Protein backbone atom coordinates (compact mmCIF):
# COMPACT_ATOMS: atom_id res chain seq x y z
CA MET A 1 55.69 -35.29 -44.15
CA GLU A 2 56.80 -37.36 -41.19
CA ARG A 3 54.01 -38.72 -39.00
CA SER A 4 55.45 -36.94 -35.97
CA HIS A 5 54.87 -33.62 -37.74
CA LEU A 6 51.13 -34.21 -37.75
CA ALA A 7 50.99 -34.69 -33.99
CA GLN A 8 53.19 -31.63 -33.45
CA LEU A 9 50.97 -29.53 -35.71
CA ALA A 10 47.90 -30.61 -33.73
CA VAL A 11 49.66 -29.58 -30.51
CA LEU A 12 50.60 -26.20 -32.05
CA ALA A 13 46.96 -25.55 -32.98
CA ALA A 14 45.79 -26.46 -29.46
CA VAL A 15 48.31 -24.06 -27.87
CA ALA A 16 47.25 -21.26 -30.22
CA ASP A 17 43.55 -21.87 -29.48
CA ARG A 18 44.08 -21.92 -25.72
CA GLY A 19 46.72 -19.21 -25.56
CA SER A 20 48.74 -21.30 -23.13
CA PHE A 21 50.76 -24.49 -22.92
CA ARG A 22 49.00 -25.66 -19.76
CA GLY A 23 45.55 -25.13 -21.28
CA ALA A 24 46.54 -27.13 -24.35
CA ALA A 25 47.98 -29.86 -22.14
CA ARG A 26 44.67 -30.17 -20.28
CA ASP A 27 42.73 -30.38 -23.54
CA LEU A 28 45.08 -32.96 -25.01
CA ALA A 29 45.46 -34.90 -21.73
CA ILE A 30 49.27 -34.82 -21.90
CA ALA A 31 51.96 -33.23 -19.74
CA PRO A 32 52.76 -29.50 -20.26
CA SER A 33 56.39 -30.49 -20.83
CA ALA A 34 55.29 -32.72 -23.72
CA VAL A 35 53.38 -29.83 -25.25
CA SER A 36 56.39 -27.51 -24.97
CA HIS A 37 58.70 -30.17 -26.40
CA ALA A 38 56.39 -30.81 -29.38
CA VAL A 39 56.23 -27.13 -30.31
CA SER A 40 59.95 -26.57 -29.81
CA SER A 41 60.78 -29.63 -31.92
CA LEU A 42 58.51 -28.43 -34.71
CA GLU A 43 60.06 -24.96 -34.66
CA ALA A 44 63.55 -26.47 -34.72
CA ARG A 45 62.72 -28.69 -37.71
CA LEU A 46 61.13 -25.84 -39.67
CA GLY A 47 63.69 -23.28 -38.59
CA VAL A 48 60.91 -20.79 -37.86
CA ARG A 49 59.59 -19.29 -34.63
CA LEU A 50 55.87 -20.14 -34.58
CA LEU A 51 54.81 -18.90 -31.14
CA ALA A 52 55.72 -15.74 -29.28
CA ARG A 53 56.00 -16.59 -25.59
CA SER A 54 55.79 -14.27 -22.60
CA THR A 55 55.31 -14.83 -18.88
CA ARG A 56 51.59 -14.12 -19.24
CA SER A 57 50.54 -15.37 -22.66
CA VAL A 58 51.37 -17.28 -25.82
CA ALA A 59 50.39 -16.04 -29.29
CA PRO A 60 51.27 -17.05 -32.86
CA THR A 61 54.01 -15.13 -34.61
CA GLU A 62 53.32 -13.82 -38.11
CA GLU A 63 54.76 -17.05 -39.55
CA GLY A 64 52.79 -19.14 -37.07
CA ALA A 65 49.54 -17.33 -37.89
CA ARG A 66 50.01 -18.00 -41.61
CA LEU A 67 50.71 -21.67 -40.94
CA LEU A 68 47.68 -22.01 -38.64
CA GLU A 69 45.41 -20.32 -41.17
CA ARG A 70 46.09 -23.11 -43.65
CA LEU A 71 46.47 -25.81 -41.02
CA ARG A 72 43.13 -25.51 -39.19
CA PRO A 73 40.89 -26.57 -42.12
CA ALA A 74 43.09 -29.64 -42.67
CA LEU A 75 42.98 -30.60 -38.97
CA SER A 76 39.22 -30.05 -38.98
CA GLU A 77 38.83 -32.42 -41.92
CA ILE A 78 40.95 -35.03 -40.11
CA ASP A 79 38.72 -34.68 -37.02
CA LEU A 80 35.64 -35.06 -39.18
CA ALA A 81 37.06 -38.19 -40.83
CA LEU A 82 37.88 -39.76 -37.46
CA GLU A 83 34.51 -38.88 -35.99
CA ALA A 84 32.75 -40.17 -39.11
CA ALA A 85 34.48 -43.50 -38.56
CA VAL A 86 33.19 -43.59 -34.98
CA GLU A 87 29.75 -42.47 -36.06
CA ALA A 88 29.56 -45.14 -38.75
CA ARG A 89 27.74 -47.15 -36.11
CA ASP A 90 24.83 -44.75 -36.74
CA ARG A 91 25.15 -43.47 -33.18
CA PRO A 92 26.07 -39.76 -33.13
CA ALA A 93 29.18 -39.33 -31.01
CA GLY A 94 32.17 -37.11 -30.36
CA ASN A 95 32.68 -33.48 -29.35
CA LEU A 96 30.25 -30.81 -30.56
CA ARG A 97 31.47 -27.24 -29.91
CA LEU A 98 28.95 -24.39 -30.02
CA THR A 99 29.08 -20.63 -29.48
CA VAL A 100 25.88 -19.42 -27.78
CA PRO A 101 24.84 -16.04 -26.31
CA ARG A 102 23.70 -16.10 -22.69
CA THR A 103 20.09 -15.19 -23.53
CA ALA A 104 19.75 -18.01 -26.08
CA LEU A 105 21.22 -20.43 -23.54
CA ASN A 106 18.69 -19.39 -20.89
CA LEU A 107 15.61 -19.24 -23.12
CA VAL A 108 15.93 -22.07 -25.65
CA VAL A 109 19.02 -24.23 -25.12
CA ALA A 110 19.31 -24.90 -21.37
CA PRO A 111 15.70 -26.15 -20.93
CA LYS A 112 16.42 -29.06 -23.30
CA LEU A 113 20.03 -29.88 -22.45
CA GLY A 114 19.19 -32.65 -20.00
CA ALA A 115 16.90 -34.39 -22.48
CA PHE A 116 19.51 -34.03 -25.23
CA ALA A 117 22.24 -35.54 -23.04
CA LYS A 118 20.00 -38.53 -22.28
CA ALA A 119 19.07 -39.01 -25.94
CA TYR A 120 22.69 -38.78 -27.16
CA PRO A 121 24.98 -39.96 -24.34
CA GLU A 122 28.01 -40.32 -26.64
CA ILE A 123 28.00 -36.65 -27.71
CA VAL A 124 30.12 -34.29 -25.62
CA LEU A 125 28.47 -30.86 -25.96
CA ASP A 126 30.91 -28.00 -25.36
CA VAL A 127 28.98 -24.71 -25.11
CA VAL A 128 30.98 -21.46 -25.09
CA ILE A 129 28.95 -18.48 -23.82
CA GLU A 130 29.63 -15.22 -25.69
CA ASP A 131 27.35 -12.43 -26.88
CA ARG A 132 29.41 -11.18 -29.82
CA PHE A 133 28.86 -12.58 -33.28
CA THR A 134 31.43 -15.32 -33.94
CA ASP A 135 32.85 -16.72 -37.17
CA VAL A 136 32.31 -20.39 -36.37
CA VAL A 137 34.97 -21.57 -38.84
CA GLU A 138 37.67 -19.19 -37.61
CA GLY A 139 36.73 -19.85 -33.98
CA GLY A 140 36.91 -23.63 -34.34
CA PHE A 141 33.21 -24.16 -33.63
CA ASP A 142 30.88 -26.67 -35.24
CA ALA A 143 28.00 -24.19 -35.12
CA GLY A 144 26.66 -21.10 -33.39
CA VAL A 145 23.36 -19.79 -32.08
CA ARG A 146 22.39 -16.17 -32.67
CA LEU A 147 19.46 -13.81 -33.07
CA GLY A 148 18.94 -11.52 -36.06
CA GLU A 149 22.54 -11.57 -37.24
CA SER A 150 23.70 -11.02 -40.82
CA LEU A 151 25.25 -14.35 -41.65
CA GLN A 152 27.74 -15.06 -44.39
CA GLN A 153 26.36 -16.49 -47.61
CA ASP A 154 27.81 -19.94 -46.99
CA MET A 155 25.95 -20.33 -43.69
CA VAL A 156 22.84 -22.40 -43.09
CA ALA A 157 20.44 -21.12 -40.41
CA VAL A 158 17.76 -23.26 -38.70
CA ARG A 159 15.36 -21.79 -36.15
CA ILE A 160 15.49 -23.48 -32.76
CA GLY A 161 13.03 -21.36 -30.81
CA PRO A 162 9.65 -19.61 -31.01
CA GLN A 163 9.09 -15.99 -31.89
CA ILE A 164 10.17 -13.69 -29.11
CA ARG A 165 9.27 -10.19 -28.05
CA GLY A 166 10.77 -7.36 -26.08
CA ALA A 167 9.04 -5.72 -23.13
CA VAL A 168 9.56 -2.30 -21.58
CA VAL A 169 8.64 -2.62 -17.90
CA GLY A 170 8.71 -0.60 -14.72
CA ALA A 171 7.56 -0.98 -11.13
CA PRO A 172 4.29 0.58 -9.90
CA SER A 173 6.41 2.61 -7.45
CA TYR A 174 8.36 4.06 -10.38
CA PHE A 175 5.21 5.04 -12.27
CA ALA A 176 3.84 6.65 -9.11
CA LYS A 177 6.46 9.34 -9.67
CA MET A 178 6.91 9.22 -13.45
CA PRO A 179 4.35 9.28 -16.28
CA LYS A 180 3.99 6.22 -18.47
CA PRO A 181 5.65 6.80 -21.85
CA LYS A 182 3.24 6.76 -24.81
CA HIS A 183 5.93 6.93 -27.49
CA PRO A 184 9.56 5.70 -27.51
CA ARG A 185 10.77 9.31 -27.67
CA ASP A 186 9.12 9.90 -24.28
CA LEU A 187 11.90 7.74 -22.81
CA VAL A 188 14.25 10.73 -23.01
CA GLY A 189 12.98 11.94 -19.64
CA HIS A 190 13.05 8.51 -17.98
CA ARG A 191 15.62 6.61 -15.93
CA CYS A 192 16.43 3.50 -17.99
CA ILE A 193 18.41 0.46 -16.88
CA ARG A 194 20.85 -0.24 -19.69
CA PHE A 195 22.30 -3.53 -20.92
CA ARG A 196 25.96 -3.99 -21.80
CA PHE A 197 27.00 -6.88 -24.06
CA SER A 198 30.12 -8.87 -23.18
CA SER A 199 31.81 -7.08 -26.11
CA GLY A 200 31.41 -3.82 -24.18
CA VAL A 201 28.74 -2.40 -26.50
CA LEU A 202 25.68 -0.81 -24.88
CA TYR A 203 22.34 -1.95 -26.30
CA ARG A 204 20.36 0.79 -28.01
CA TRP A 205 16.66 0.23 -27.41
CA GLU A 206 14.90 -0.71 -30.65
CA PHE A 207 11.22 -0.16 -31.48
CA GLU A 208 8.96 -0.68 -34.46
CA LYS A 209 5.36 0.21 -35.30
CA ASP A 210 3.52 0.46 -38.63
CA GLY A 211 6.78 0.32 -40.57
CA GLU A 212 8.46 3.03 -38.48
CA GLU A 213 11.69 1.96 -36.77
CA ILE A 214 13.27 3.85 -33.87
CA GLU A 215 16.59 3.17 -32.15
CA LEU A 216 17.39 5.05 -28.94
CA PRO A 217 20.56 5.43 -26.83
CA VAL A 218 18.66 5.68 -23.53
CA GLN A 219 20.15 7.04 -20.31
CA GLY A 220 19.84 5.92 -16.71
CA PRO A 221 21.43 5.10 -13.36
CA LEU A 222 22.43 1.48 -13.97
CA ILE A 223 24.35 -0.48 -16.63
CA LEU A 224 24.19 -4.26 -16.21
CA GLY A 225 25.06 -7.32 -18.25
CA VAL A 226 22.64 -9.89 -16.79
CA ASP A 227 18.92 -9.84 -17.62
CA SER A 228 17.83 -11.24 -14.26
CA ALA A 229 19.67 -8.42 -12.46
CA ILE A 230 18.01 -5.85 -14.73
CA VAL A 231 14.56 -7.25 -13.94
CA ARG A 232 15.34 -7.26 -10.20
CA ALA A 233 16.46 -3.62 -10.34
CA ALA A 234 13.29 -2.67 -12.23
CA ILE A 235 11.10 -4.42 -9.63
CA ASP A 236 12.91 -2.42 -6.95
CA GLY A 237 12.01 0.83 -8.74
CA ALA A 238 15.45 1.73 -10.12
CA GLY A 239 14.00 2.59 -13.53
CA LEU A 240 12.57 1.18 -16.75
CA ALA A 241 13.95 -2.05 -18.20
CA PHE A 242 13.83 -3.41 -21.74
CA VAL A 243 14.12 -7.21 -21.69
CA PHE A 244 12.73 -10.21 -23.49
CA GLU A 245 9.20 -10.60 -22.15
CA GLU A 246 9.88 -14.10 -20.81
CA TYR A 247 12.32 -12.65 -18.28
CA ALA A 248 9.61 -10.34 -16.95
CA ALA A 249 6.62 -12.70 -17.27
CA GLN A 250 6.46 -13.73 -13.59
CA ALA A 251 6.78 -10.18 -12.31
CA LEU A 252 4.15 -8.93 -14.77
CA ALA A 253 1.73 -11.68 -13.69
CA ALA A 254 2.36 -10.82 -10.03
CA GLY A 255 1.86 -7.10 -10.63
CA SER A 256 5.36 -6.16 -9.43
CA LEU A 257 6.09 -4.84 -12.93
CA VAL A 258 3.90 -2.93 -15.37
CA ARG A 259 4.36 -3.02 -19.13
CA VAL A 260 4.43 0.06 -21.38
CA LEU A 261 4.96 0.74 -25.11
CA GLU A 262 3.62 -2.74 -25.89
CA ASP A 263 2.40 -1.64 -29.33
CA TRP A 264 5.99 -0.65 -30.20
CA CYS A 265 7.37 -4.13 -29.42
CA PRO A 266 6.20 -6.54 -32.14
CA PRO A 267 7.25 -10.23 -32.03
CA PHE A 268 10.10 -11.37 -34.26
CA ASP A 269 11.77 -14.60 -35.26
CA GLY A 270 13.59 -16.36 -32.46
CA PHE A 271 17.06 -17.84 -32.22
CA SER A 272 18.64 -19.92 -34.97
CA ILE A 273 21.58 -22.28 -35.11
CA TYR A 274 23.97 -21.51 -37.95
CA TYR A 275 26.76 -23.59 -39.49
CA PRO A 276 28.85 -23.69 -42.69
CA SER A 277 26.99 -25.09 -45.69
CA ARG A 278 30.17 -26.14 -47.46
CA ARG A 279 31.08 -28.71 -44.82
CA GLN A 280 29.72 -32.21 -44.69
CA MET A 281 27.28 -32.19 -41.79
CA ARG A 282 28.47 -34.40 -38.96
CA PRO A 283 25.94 -36.78 -37.40
CA ALA A 284 26.47 -35.12 -33.99
CA LEU A 285 25.56 -31.70 -35.40
CA ARG A 286 22.64 -33.16 -37.34
CA ALA A 287 21.37 -34.74 -34.11
CA PHE A 288 21.57 -31.38 -32.30
CA VAL A 289 19.83 -29.48 -35.10
CA ASP A 290 17.04 -32.06 -35.38
CA PHE A 291 16.57 -32.20 -31.60
CA PHE A 292 16.42 -28.41 -31.10
CA ARG A 293 14.69 -27.48 -34.39
CA TRP A 294 11.63 -25.30 -33.71
CA ARG A 295 8.35 -26.92 -34.75
CA GLU A 296 5.24 -24.74 -34.85
């Protein structure tokens, strides 16, 4: 393989990841024309169309997808080798790309980001916010943070936060007109503020008590995707909300929200960072895991 092929393959992978030539150019810090030339030259040499181009998007062709499937692990290993050379100074460095849901960012990651950046100034932390479960290998991530997900067998999971708990809350003005539910099934007659994940899926309220588990598709006047907006709407009397108790703590302490069904909301393990066990662990990832690891 000619050396120029390696650079062109790296450019191809960047375009596929970004879905655009300009996005890849920004990531690679080169001109868009250079990106286009590299891909066109590679296609000409191989005699195969690797990217399907339109005025709005760029996506791999069937041949390009097959090539990228085998190419990405090799490029990842090259990146690891280069970063290992830099990190041989025993100072964790380089890019660290994570997929993190918004709630985990707010509750356990964001409060420590400033301290982490000061402790490891040579690490560039790239956090992508998404609620859906992500295959970190396929998505080109070093690791991910999730709650209660079924991980693949070759994943390592390390807790990075305390136990957490859900809370069903409503405003005193709401309960002035509606009875407090004693059992999750009583929610059928209540106005509930629902949460929609970024994937489009509506959260079904989940309860547990004495080994009995209940999952309910509640109904109500509002569907929102931001916990703070849900809490605000509940304070204003729009209906009942089901959020992590930390989001409602201030309002509960102030009396602007009242908690119900507390005995049906037991605590459970908090967020964990997960990463592939088959890869050699980079010093930058090890530094992040050690820094954020939950200690009782």
